[in-house]
Amino acid sequence: MKMRPLVIIVIVLGISLLVGIIWFTNWQRAAASQDARMTASFVPSPANDTLVSGSGWDQSELDRILGDFSLQYGLPANSFKIERGDSRKFRISFPHDIEPKLLLFLVNYLQYPNGFDLRTHSIAAVAHVVLTAAFGVSDPTLIGDRARIYVPSNDVDHDLVYAQVQQGHSFRISFTDMIWQEVDYARLPPSIGGL
């Protein structure tokens, strides 16, 4: 007995939908598991040497950006220490440390804050860190290495950062799953060169 083409199409679509649902469910579990591992691994260290260097925001703009970020993530007002450099350069340190996933979000938020006309600014931000298990690195041998975290050049996603470790390896970290995926190209923005 021959199957009709419409029945075959319905069966193929049904199987495809089932496979898609299974894949999506597994991906959500992996993302939730990664987030839980990162949060559980974080032990604040007041002696941290995490630093975000940047440029493009004046003091009042930076205060507003950090205030909005603190409000969004429930951080206390004393979470950041700001040092101003010449022109519109700044450095942000973390007297009580900062959870690594929030640091990744902050680097991105400094590049794309809400409520600003980004066309009128030339923005750069890069975090300098020592990697810990709380960063969720894909390769445990990277723990203890220095890295810089930044928004890649020509970014169109607006929901990720890149990390480049001192050995030269580069990773893409999407906020949808927080998984470190090694990439061939660092996509270093020229603007972070002097930061």
N, C-alpha and C. Protein backbone atom coordinates (compact mmCIF):
# COMPACT_ATOMS: atom_id res chain seq x y z
N MET A 1 0.83 -1.17 0.00
CA MET A 1 0.00 0.00 0.00
C MET A 1 0.88 1.25 0.00
N LYS A 2 0.63 2.20 -0.89
CA LYS A 2 1.40 3.42 -1.03
C LYS A 2 0.92 4.48 -0.04
N MET A 3 1.89 5.18 0.56
CA MET A 3 1.52 6.30 1.44
C MET A 3 1.34 7.54 0.60
N ARG A 4 0.43 8.32 0.97
CA ARG A 4 0.19 9.56 0.24
C ARG A 4 1.26 10.59 0.64
N PRO A 5 1.66 11.45 -0.28
CA PRO A 5 2.69 12.45 0.01
C PRO A 5 2.36 13.33 1.22
N LEU A 6 1.11 13.68 1.40
CA LEU A 6 0.72 14.52 2.52
C LEU A 6 0.96 13.80 3.85
N VAL A 7 0.69 12.50 3.91
CA VAL A 7 0.91 11.72 5.13
C VAL A 7 2.40 11.66 5.43
N ILE A 8 3.22 11.49 4.42
CA ILE A 8 4.69 11.44 4.60
C ILE A 8 5.18 12.78 5.15
N ILE A 9 4.69 13.87 4.60
CA ILE A 9 5.10 15.21 5.05
C ILE A 9 4.71 15.41 6.51
N VAL A 10 3.49 15.00 6.88
CA VAL A 10 3.03 15.14 8.26
C VAL A 10 3.91 14.31 9.20
N ILE A 11 4.25 13.09 8.80
CA ILE A 11 5.10 12.23 9.64
C ILE A 11 6.48 12.85 9.80
N VAL A 12 7.08 13.34 8.71
CA VAL A 12 8.41 13.96 8.76
C VAL A 12 8.38 15.21 9.65
N LEU A 13 7.35 16.03 9.49
CA LEU A 13 7.23 17.24 10.32
C LEU A 13 7.05 16.87 11.80
N GLY A 14 6.26 15.85 12.07
CA GLY A 14 6.05 15.41 13.44
C GLY A 14 7.34 14.93 14.09
N ILE A 15 8.10 14.14 13.35
CA ILE A 15 9.39 13.65 13.87
C ILE A 15 10.35 14.82 14.08
N SER A 16 10.39 15.75 13.12
CA SER A 16 11.26 16.92 13.25
C SER A 16 10.90 17.76 14.46
N LEU A 17 9.61 17.93 14.68
CA LEU A 17 9.14 18.69 15.84
C LEU A 17 9.54 17.99 17.14
N LEU A 18 9.38 16.70 17.20
CA LEU A 18 9.75 15.94 18.39
C LEU A 18 11.25 16.05 18.66
N VAL A 19 12.07 15.90 17.63
CA VAL A 19 13.52 16.03 17.78
C VAL A 19 13.87 17.44 18.28
N GLY A 20 13.20 18.46 17.71
CA GLY A 20 13.44 19.84 18.12
C GLY A 20 13.08 20.07 19.58
N ILE A 21 11.98 19.52 20.02
CA ILE A 21 11.56 19.67 21.42
C ILE A 21 12.57 19.00 22.35
N ILE A 22 13.01 17.82 21.99
CA ILE A 22 14.00 17.10 22.81
C ILE A 22 15.31 17.89 22.88
N TRP A 23 15.77 18.41 21.73
CA TRP A 23 17.01 19.20 21.69
C TRP A 23 16.87 20.44 22.56
N PHE A 24 15.76 21.17 22.41
CA PHE A 24 15.54 22.41 23.16
C PHE A 24 15.49 22.13 24.66
N THR A 25 14.83 21.07 25.06
CA THR A 25 14.74 20.71 26.48
C THR A 25 16.12 20.39 27.03
N ASN A 26 16.92 19.64 26.29
CA ASN A 26 18.28 19.32 26.73
C ASN A 26 19.15 20.57 26.81
N TRP A 27 19.00 21.47 25.84
CA TRP A 27 19.76 22.72 25.83
C TRP A 27 19.40 23.56 27.05
N GLN A 28 18.11 23.65 27.38
CA GLN A 28 17.68 24.41 28.56
C GLN A 28 18.25 23.81 29.83
N ARG A 29 18.27 22.50 29.93
CA ARG A 29 18.84 21.84 31.11
C ARG A 29 20.34 22.14 31.23
N ALA A 30 21.04 22.08 30.10
CA ALA A 30 22.48 22.36 30.11
C ALA A 30 22.75 23.80 30.53
N ALA A 31 21.95 24.74 30.01
CA ALA A 31 22.12 26.15 30.37
C ALA A 31 21.84 26.37 31.85
N ALA A 32 20.78 25.78 32.36
CA ALA A 32 20.43 25.91 33.78
C ALA A 32 21.52 25.28 34.65
N SER A 33 22.05 24.16 34.22
CA SER A 33 23.10 23.48 34.96
C SER A 33 24.37 24.34 34.99
N GLN A 34 24.73 24.95 33.86
CA GLN A 34 25.91 25.81 33.79
C GLN A 34 25.73 27.00 34.73
N ASP A 35 24.57 27.62 34.70
CA ASP A 35 24.30 28.77 35.55
C ASP A 35 24.41 28.37 37.03
N ALA A 36 23.84 27.24 37.39
CA ALA A 36 23.89 26.76 38.78
C ALA A 36 25.33 26.47 39.21
N ARG A 37 26.13 25.86 38.32
CA ARG A 37 27.54 25.58 38.64
C ARG A 37 28.31 26.87 38.87
N MET A 38 28.07 27.86 38.00
CA MET A 38 28.78 29.13 38.13
C MET A 38 28.43 29.80 39.46
N THR A 39 27.16 29.85 39.79
CA THR A 39 26.71 30.50 41.02
C THR A 39 27.25 29.77 42.24
N ALA A 40 27.18 28.45 42.24
CA ALA A 40 27.63 27.67 43.39
C ALA A 40 29.15 27.75 43.59
N SER A 41 29.90 27.96 42.51
CA SER A 41 31.36 27.99 42.58
C SER A 41 31.91 29.34 43.06
N PHE A 42 31.07 30.36 43.10
CA PHE A 42 31.56 31.70 43.43
C PHE A 42 31.77 31.86 44.93
N VAL A 43 33.00 32.21 45.29
CA VAL A 43 33.35 32.55 46.66
C VAL A 43 33.96 33.94 46.61
N PRO A 44 33.27 34.95 47.16
CA PRO A 44 33.78 36.32 47.07
C PRO A 44 35.15 36.46 47.73
N SER A 45 36.02 37.21 47.07
CA SER A 45 37.35 37.47 47.61
C SER A 45 37.59 38.98 47.60
N PRO A 46 37.59 39.63 48.77
CA PRO A 46 37.88 41.06 48.82
C PRO A 46 39.28 41.38 48.27
N ALA A 47 40.16 40.38 48.18
CA ALA A 47 41.51 40.59 47.65
C ALA A 47 41.56 40.38 46.14
N ASN A 48 40.41 40.31 45.48
CA ASN A 48 40.39 40.07 44.03
C ASN A 48 41.11 41.20 43.30
N ASP A 49 41.63 40.88 42.13
CA ASP A 49 42.23 41.94 41.31
C ASP A 49 41.47 42.13 40.00
N THR A 50 40.17 41.85 40.06
CA THR A 50 39.30 42.06 38.90
C THR A 50 39.19 43.55 38.63
N LEU A 51 39.32 43.92 37.38
CA LEU A 51 39.30 45.34 37.01
C LEU A 51 38.63 45.49 35.65
N VAL A 52 37.75 46.46 35.53
CA VAL A 52 37.18 46.81 34.23
C VAL A 52 37.75 48.17 33.84
N SER A 53 38.37 48.22 32.69
CA SER A 53 38.87 49.48 32.14
C SER A 53 37.99 49.87 30.98
N GLY A 54 37.75 51.16 30.84
CA GLY A 54 36.89 51.58 29.75
C GLY A 54 37.04 53.04 29.40
N SER A 55 36.32 53.42 28.37
CA SER A 55 36.30 54.82 27.95
C SER A 55 34.97 55.08 27.24
N GLY A 56 34.65 56.38 27.15
CA GLY A 56 33.47 56.77 26.40
C GLY A 56 32.33 57.31 27.24
N TRP A 57 32.42 57.19 28.57
CA TRP A 57 31.35 57.68 29.44
C TRP A 57 31.91 58.73 30.40
N ASP A 58 31.20 59.85 30.56
CA ASP A 58 31.62 60.81 31.58
C ASP A 58 31.13 60.32 32.94
N GLN A 59 31.49 61.04 34.00
CA GLN A 59 31.20 60.58 35.36
C GLN A 59 29.70 60.41 35.61
N SER A 60 28.89 61.38 35.20
CA SER A 60 27.45 61.27 35.47
C SER A 60 26.83 60.12 34.68
N GLU A 61 27.28 59.91 33.44
CA GLU A 61 26.77 58.79 32.64
C GLU A 61 27.15 57.46 33.27
N LEU A 62 28.41 57.36 33.69
CA LEU A 62 28.88 56.12 34.30
C LEU A 62 28.15 55.83 35.61
N ASP A 63 27.92 56.88 36.41
CA ASP A 63 27.16 56.70 37.65
C ASP A 63 25.76 56.17 37.35
N ARG A 64 25.13 56.73 36.33
CA ARG A 64 23.78 56.29 35.96
C ARG A 64 23.79 54.83 35.46
N ILE A 65 24.78 54.49 34.62
CA ILE A 65 24.88 53.13 34.09
C ILE A 65 25.08 52.12 35.22
N LEU A 66 26.01 52.41 36.12
CA LEU A 66 26.27 51.49 37.23
C LEU A 66 25.09 51.43 38.20
N GLY A 67 24.41 52.56 38.38
CA GLY A 67 23.22 52.57 39.22
C GLY A 67 22.11 51.71 38.64
N ASP A 68 21.89 51.84 37.33
CA ASP A 68 20.88 51.00 36.66
C ASP A 68 21.25 49.53 36.75
N PHE A 69 22.53 49.23 36.53
CA PHE A 69 22.99 47.83 36.58
C PHE A 69 22.80 47.26 37.99
N SER A 70 23.18 48.04 39.01
CA SER A 70 23.02 47.60 40.40
C SER A 70 21.57 47.33 40.74
N LEU A 71 20.70 48.21 40.30
CA LEU A 71 19.27 48.04 40.56
C LEU A 71 18.74 46.78 39.87
N GLN A 72 19.16 46.58 38.62
CA GLN A 72 18.70 45.43 37.85
C GLN A 72 19.11 44.10 38.49
N TYR A 73 20.30 44.05 39.09
CA TYR A 73 20.80 42.79 39.64
C TYR A 73 20.85 42.77 41.17
N GLY A 74 20.25 43.76 41.80
CA GLY A 74 20.16 43.76 43.26
C GLY A 74 21.50 43.88 43.96
N LEU A 75 22.41 44.66 43.40
CA LEU A 75 23.73 44.84 44.00
C LEU A 75 23.73 46.05 44.93
N PRO A 76 24.46 45.98 46.04
CA PRO A 76 24.53 47.15 46.93
C PRO A 76 25.27 48.31 46.26
N ALA A 77 25.01 49.51 46.74
CA ALA A 77 25.59 50.72 46.14
C ALA A 77 27.11 50.72 46.19
N ASN A 78 27.70 50.05 47.17
CA ASN A 78 29.16 50.06 47.31
C ASN A 78 29.83 48.90 46.57
N SER A 79 29.18 48.37 45.56
CA SER A 79 29.74 47.24 44.80
C SER A 79 30.89 47.65 43.89
N PHE A 80 30.94 48.93 43.53
CA PHE A 80 31.92 49.41 42.56
C PHE A 80 32.77 50.53 43.16
N LYS A 81 34.03 50.56 42.76
CA LYS A 81 34.90 51.68 43.07
C LYS A 81 35.38 52.22 41.72
N ILE A 82 35.10 53.48 41.45
CA ILE A 82 35.43 54.08 40.15
C ILE A 82 36.64 55.00 40.30
N GLU A 83 37.58 54.84 39.40
CA GLU A 83 38.72 55.76 39.30
C GLU A 83 38.65 56.39 37.92
N ARG A 84 38.75 57.70 37.87
CA ARG A 84 38.71 58.40 36.59
C ARG A 84 40.13 58.63 36.10
N GLY A 85 40.31 58.46 34.81
CA GLY A 85 41.58 58.78 34.18
C GLY A 85 41.42 60.08 33.42
N ASP A 86 42.33 60.35 32.54
CA ASP A 86 42.21 61.55 31.72
C ASP A 86 41.11 61.35 30.68
N SER A 87 40.53 62.43 30.26
CA SER A 87 39.46 62.42 29.27
C SER A 87 38.27 61.63 29.80
N ARG A 88 37.76 60.69 29.02
CA ARG A 88 36.58 59.93 29.42
C ARG A 88 36.94 58.49 29.80
N LYS A 89 38.18 58.28 30.24
CA LYS A 89 38.61 56.94 30.64
C LYS A 89 38.26 56.68 32.11
N PHE A 90 38.02 55.41 32.40
CA PHE A 90 37.66 55.04 33.77
C PHE A 90 38.15 53.63 34.07
N ARG A 91 38.23 53.35 35.36
CA ARG A 91 38.56 52.00 35.84
C ARG A 91 37.57 51.68 36.95
N ILE A 92 37.05 50.47 36.91
CA ILE A 92 36.10 50.03 37.93
C ILE A 92 36.70 48.81 38.63
N SER A 93 36.80 48.90 39.94
CA SER A 93 37.23 47.74 40.73
C SER A 93 36.07 47.31 41.63
N PHE A 94 36.25 46.20 42.31
CA PHE A 94 35.14 45.58 43.04
C PHE A 94 35.60 45.25 44.46
N PRO A 95 35.39 46.18 45.40
CA PRO A 95 35.90 46.01 46.77
C PRO A 95 35.40 44.74 47.46
N HIS A 96 34.23 44.26 47.10
CA HIS A 96 33.67 43.06 47.73
C HIS A 96 33.58 41.91 46.74
N ASP A 97 34.28 42.06 45.61
CA ASP A 97 34.26 41.10 44.50
C ASP A 97 32.92 41.16 43.78
N ILE A 98 32.83 40.49 42.66
CA ILE A 98 31.61 40.44 41.86
C ILE A 98 31.48 39.05 41.27
N GLU A 99 30.28 38.55 41.27
CA GLU A 99 30.04 37.23 40.70
C GLU A 99 30.44 37.26 39.22
N PRO A 100 31.22 36.27 38.73
CA PRO A 100 31.70 36.31 37.35
C PRO A 100 30.62 36.49 36.29
N LYS A 101 29.48 35.83 36.43
CA LYS A 101 28.47 36.01 35.38
C LYS A 101 27.97 37.45 35.37
N LEU A 102 27.91 38.11 36.54
CA LEU A 102 27.51 39.52 36.58
C LEU A 102 28.60 40.40 35.96
N LEU A 103 29.84 40.01 36.14
CA LEU A 103 30.94 40.75 35.50
C LEU A 103 30.80 40.67 33.98
N LEU A 104 30.50 39.49 33.45
CA LEU A 104 30.31 39.34 32.01
C LEU A 104 29.16 40.24 31.54
N PHE A 105 28.05 40.23 32.30
CA PHE A 105 26.91 41.08 31.96
C PHE A 105 27.30 42.56 32.01
N LEU A 106 28.10 42.94 33.01
CA LEU A 106 28.50 44.34 33.17
C LEU A 106 29.33 44.82 31.98
N VAL A 107 30.27 44.02 31.54
CA VAL A 107 31.09 44.41 30.38
C VAL A 107 30.18 44.69 29.18
N ASN A 108 29.20 43.83 28.98
CA ASN A 108 28.26 44.01 27.88
C ASN A 108 27.38 45.24 28.11
N TYR A 109 26.94 45.45 29.36
CA TYR A 109 26.05 46.57 29.67
C TYR A 109 26.76 47.91 29.52
N LEU A 110 28.05 47.95 29.82
CA LEU A 110 28.81 49.18 29.61
C LEU A 110 28.84 49.55 28.13
N GLN A 111 28.80 48.56 27.27
CA GLN A 111 28.79 48.77 25.83
C GLN A 111 27.39 49.13 25.33
N TYR A 112 26.37 48.56 25.93
CA TYR A 112 24.99 48.73 25.46
C TYR A 112 24.03 49.09 26.60
N PRO A 113 24.26 50.20 27.31
CA PRO A 113 23.33 50.54 28.40
C PRO A 113 21.99 51.04 27.87
N ASN A 114 20.97 50.85 28.68
CA ASN A 114 19.63 51.34 28.31
C ASN A 114 19.56 52.86 28.45
N GLY A 115 18.84 53.48 27.54
CA GLY A 115 18.54 54.89 27.67
C GLY A 115 19.60 55.86 27.18
N PHE A 116 20.57 55.40 26.39
CA PHE A 116 21.61 56.28 25.87
C PHE A 116 21.64 56.20 24.35
N ASP A 117 21.97 57.32 23.72
CA ASP A 117 22.16 57.34 22.28
C ASP A 117 23.59 56.89 22.01
N LEU A 118 23.75 55.64 21.64
CA LEU A 118 25.07 55.06 21.47
C LEU A 118 25.80 55.61 20.25
N ARG A 119 25.07 56.23 19.33
CA ARG A 119 25.71 56.80 18.14
C ARG A 119 26.57 58.01 18.48
N THR A 120 26.32 58.62 19.64
CA THR A 120 27.07 59.83 20.01
C THR A 120 28.25 59.51 20.93
N HIS A 121 28.53 58.24 21.13
CA HIS A 121 29.62 57.83 22.01
C HIS A 121 30.55 56.85 21.30
N SER A 122 31.80 56.91 21.67
CA SER A 122 32.78 55.91 21.24
C SER A 122 33.16 55.13 22.49
N ILE A 123 32.60 53.94 22.63
CA ILE A 123 32.66 53.19 23.89
C ILE A 123 33.63 52.02 23.79
N ALA A 124 34.34 51.80 24.88
CA ALA A 124 35.21 50.62 24.99
C ALA A 124 35.16 50.15 26.43
N ALA A 125 35.15 48.83 26.62
CA ALA A 125 35.19 48.26 27.97
C ALA A 125 35.84 46.89 27.89
N VAL A 126 36.72 46.62 28.84
CA VAL A 126 37.38 45.32 28.91
C VAL A 126 37.63 44.98 30.38
N ALA A 127 37.32 43.76 30.76
CA ALA A 127 37.59 43.29 32.12
C ALA A 127 38.88 42.48 32.11
N HIS A 128 39.68 42.70 33.12
CA HIS A 128 40.91 41.94 33.32
C HIS A 128 40.69 41.09 34.56
N VAL A 129 40.80 39.78 34.42
CA VAL A 129 40.44 38.86 35.50
C VAL A 129 41.44 37.72 35.62
N VAL A 130 41.39 37.05 36.76
CA VAL A 130 42.02 35.75 36.93
C VAL A 130 40.87 34.75 36.96
N LEU A 131 40.91 33.78 36.07
CA LEU A 131 39.80 32.84 35.94
C LEU A 131 39.71 31.89 37.13
N THR A 132 38.47 31.70 37.59
CA THR A 132 38.17 30.75 38.66
C THR A 132 37.10 29.79 38.13
N ALA A 133 36.78 28.79 38.91
CA ALA A 133 35.73 27.84 38.51
C ALA A 133 34.40 28.55 38.32
N ALA A 134 34.18 29.65 39.02
CA ALA A 134 32.91 30.37 38.93
C ALA A 134 32.70 31.04 37.57
N PHE A 135 33.74 31.11 36.74
CA PHE A 135 33.57 31.63 35.38
C PHE A 135 32.96 30.59 34.45
N GLY A 136 32.94 29.33 34.88
CA GLY A 136 32.34 28.28 34.06
C GLY A 136 33.16 27.92 32.84
N VAL A 137 34.48 28.07 32.92
CA VAL A 137 35.35 27.79 31.78
C VAL A 137 35.17 26.35 31.32
N SER A 138 35.27 26.14 30.01
CA SER A 138 35.07 24.81 29.44
C SER A 138 36.27 23.89 29.66
N ASP A 139 37.43 24.48 29.90
CA ASP A 139 38.65 23.70 30.11
C ASP A 139 39.20 24.02 31.51
N PRO A 140 39.13 23.08 32.45
CA PRO A 140 39.57 23.36 33.83
C PRO A 140 41.03 23.79 33.94
N THR A 141 41.86 23.48 32.94
CA THR A 141 43.26 23.89 33.01
C THR A 141 43.42 25.40 32.87
N LEU A 142 42.35 26.10 32.47
CA LEU A 142 42.40 27.56 32.35
C LEU A 142 42.25 28.26 33.70
N ILE A 143 41.77 27.54 34.71
CA ILE A 143 41.58 28.14 36.02
C ILE A 143 42.92 28.62 36.56
N GLY A 144 42.96 29.87 36.98
CA GLY A 144 44.19 30.50 37.44
C GLY A 144 44.86 31.35 36.39
N ASP A 145 44.46 31.20 35.12
CA ASP A 145 45.02 32.02 34.05
C ASP A 145 44.38 33.41 34.05
N ARG A 146 45.12 34.35 33.53
CA ARG A 146 44.59 35.70 33.33
C ARG A 146 43.83 35.74 32.02
N ALA A 147 42.80 36.56 31.99
CA ALA A 147 42.00 36.70 30.76
C ALA A 147 41.48 38.12 30.68
N ARG A 148 41.15 38.50 29.46
CA ARG A 148 40.42 39.76 29.29
C ARG A 148 39.10 39.44 28.61
N ILE A 149 38.09 40.14 29.06
CA ILE A 149 36.71 39.89 28.61
C ILE A 149 36.19 41.18 27.98
N TYR A 150 35.57 41.05 26.82
CA TYR A 150 35.18 42.23 26.04
C TYR A 150 34.03 41.87 25.10
N VAL A 151 33.39 42.90 24.58
CA VAL A 151 32.40 42.72 23.53
C VAL A 151 33.18 42.68 22.22
N PRO A 152 32.98 41.68 21.38
CA PRO A 152 33.79 41.56 20.16
C PRO A 152 33.50 42.67 19.15
N SER A 153 34.48 42.92 18.30
CA SER A 153 34.27 43.92 17.25
C SER A 153 33.18 43.43 16.29
N ASN A 154 32.50 44.38 15.70
CA ASN A 154 31.40 44.09 14.76
C ASN A 154 30.32 43.22 15.38
N ASP A 155 30.04 43.43 16.65
CA ASP A 155 29.02 42.65 17.35
C ASP A 155 27.63 43.05 16.85
N VAL A 156 26.83 42.07 16.52
CA VAL A 156 25.44 42.32 16.14
C VAL A 156 24.47 41.60 17.07
N ASP A 157 25.01 40.75 17.95
CA ASP A 157 24.17 39.95 18.84
C ASP A 157 23.72 40.71 20.09
N HIS A 158 24.63 41.49 20.67
CA HIS A 158 24.36 42.29 21.86
C HIS A 158 24.03 41.45 23.09
N ASP A 159 24.27 40.15 23.06
CA ASP A 159 23.97 39.29 24.21
C ASP A 159 25.09 38.29 24.46
N LEU A 160 26.33 38.76 24.29
CA LEU A 160 27.47 37.88 24.50
C LEU A 160 28.71 38.70 24.77
N VAL A 161 29.75 38.02 25.22
CA VAL A 161 31.08 38.61 25.34
C VAL A 161 32.07 37.57 24.83
N TYR A 162 33.29 38.02 24.60
CA TYR A 162 34.39 37.13 24.26
C TYR A 162 35.39 37.19 25.41
N ALA A 163 36.15 36.12 25.55
CA ALA A 163 37.24 36.08 26.52
C ALA A 163 38.49 35.61 25.80
N GLN A 164 39.59 36.27 26.08
CA GLN A 164 40.87 35.84 25.53
C GLN A 164 41.80 35.57 26.70
N VAL A 165 42.27 34.33 26.80
CA VAL A 165 43.15 33.96 27.90
C VAL A 165 44.59 34.27 27.51
N GLN A 166 45.45 34.34 28.50
CA GLN A 166 46.83 34.76 28.25
C GLN A 166 47.56 33.83 27.30
N GLN A 167 47.12 32.58 27.17
CA GLN A 167 47.75 31.65 26.23
C GLN A 167 47.37 31.96 24.79
N GLY A 168 46.43 32.90 24.60
CA GLY A 168 46.03 33.29 23.26
C GLY A 168 44.73 32.68 22.78
N HIS A 169 44.19 31.69 23.49
CA HIS A 169 42.92 31.09 23.09
C HIS A 169 41.79 32.08 23.34
N SER A 170 40.81 32.05 22.45
CA SER A 170 39.66 32.95 22.57
C SER A 170 38.38 32.14 22.65
N PHE A 171 37.41 32.68 23.39
CA PHE A 171 36.15 31.99 23.63
C PHE A 171 34.99 32.95 23.46
N ARG A 172 33.91 32.41 22.95
CA ARG A 172 32.64 33.13 22.82
C ARG A 172 31.75 32.65 23.97
N ILE A 173 31.15 33.61 24.71
CA ILE A 173 30.29 33.26 25.83
C ILE A 173 28.94 33.92 25.60
N SER A 174 27.98 33.13 25.19
CA SER A 174 26.63 33.63 24.95
C SER A 174 25.86 33.65 26.26
N PHE A 175 25.06 34.70 26.48
CA PHE A 175 24.30 34.80 27.71
C PHE A 175 23.11 33.82 27.73
N THR A 176 22.82 33.20 26.62
CA THR A 176 21.71 32.24 26.61
C THR A 176 22.08 30.93 27.30
N ASP A 177 23.39 30.57 27.29
CA ASP A 177 23.78 29.33 27.96
C ASP A 177 25.04 29.46 28.81
N MET A 178 25.78 30.56 28.70
CA MET A 178 26.99 30.84 29.46
C MET A 178 28.11 29.81 29.23
N ILE A 179 28.03 29.06 28.14
CA ILE A 179 29.04 28.04 27.82
C ILE A 179 30.19 28.71 27.06
N TRP A 180 31.41 28.38 27.45
CA TRP A 180 32.60 28.90 26.79
C TRP A 180 32.88 28.07 25.54
N GLN A 181 32.69 28.67 24.37
CA GLN A 181 32.96 27.98 23.10
C GLN A 181 34.21 28.58 22.47
N GLU A 182 35.21 27.75 22.25
CA GLU A 182 36.45 28.25 21.66
C GLU A 182 36.18 28.70 20.22
N VAL A 183 36.78 29.83 19.86
CA VAL A 183 36.62 30.39 18.52
C VAL A 183 37.99 30.58 17.89
N ASP A 184 38.01 30.64 16.56
CA ASP A 184 39.27 30.81 15.84
C ASP A 184 39.75 32.25 15.82
N TYR A 185 38.82 33.20 15.90
CA TYR A 185 39.17 34.61 15.78
C TYR A 185 38.79 35.35 17.04
N ALA A 186 39.72 36.13 17.58
CA ALA A 186 39.50 36.84 18.84
C ALA A 186 38.54 38.02 18.67
N ARG A 187 38.45 38.58 17.49
CA ARG A 187 37.60 39.75 17.22
C ARG A 187 37.84 40.86 18.25
N LEU A 188 39.12 41.12 18.52
CA LEU A 188 39.48 42.17 19.48
C LEU A 188 39.15 43.54 18.90
N PRO A 189 38.36 44.34 19.59
CA PRO A 189 38.10 45.69 19.11
C PRO A 189 39.37 46.54 19.28
N PRO A 190 39.74 47.31 18.29
CA PRO A 190 40.94 48.15 18.43
C PRO A 190 40.86 49.11 19.62
N SER A 191 39.64 49.50 20.00
CA SER A 191 39.46 50.49 21.08
C SER A 191 39.90 49.99 22.45
N ILE A 192 40.05 48.68 22.64
CA ILE A 192 40.47 48.20 23.96
C ILE A 192 41.98 48.04 24.05
N GLY A 193 42.70 48.35 22.98
CA GLY A 193 44.14 48.17 22.95
C GLY A 193 44.87 48.89 24.06
N GLY A 194 44.48 50.10 24.38
CA GLY A 194 45.20 50.87 25.41
C GLY A 194 44.56 50.78 26.78
N LEU A 195 43.62 49.88 26.96
CA LEU A 195 42.92 49.82 28.26
C LEU A 195 43.48 48.71 29.14
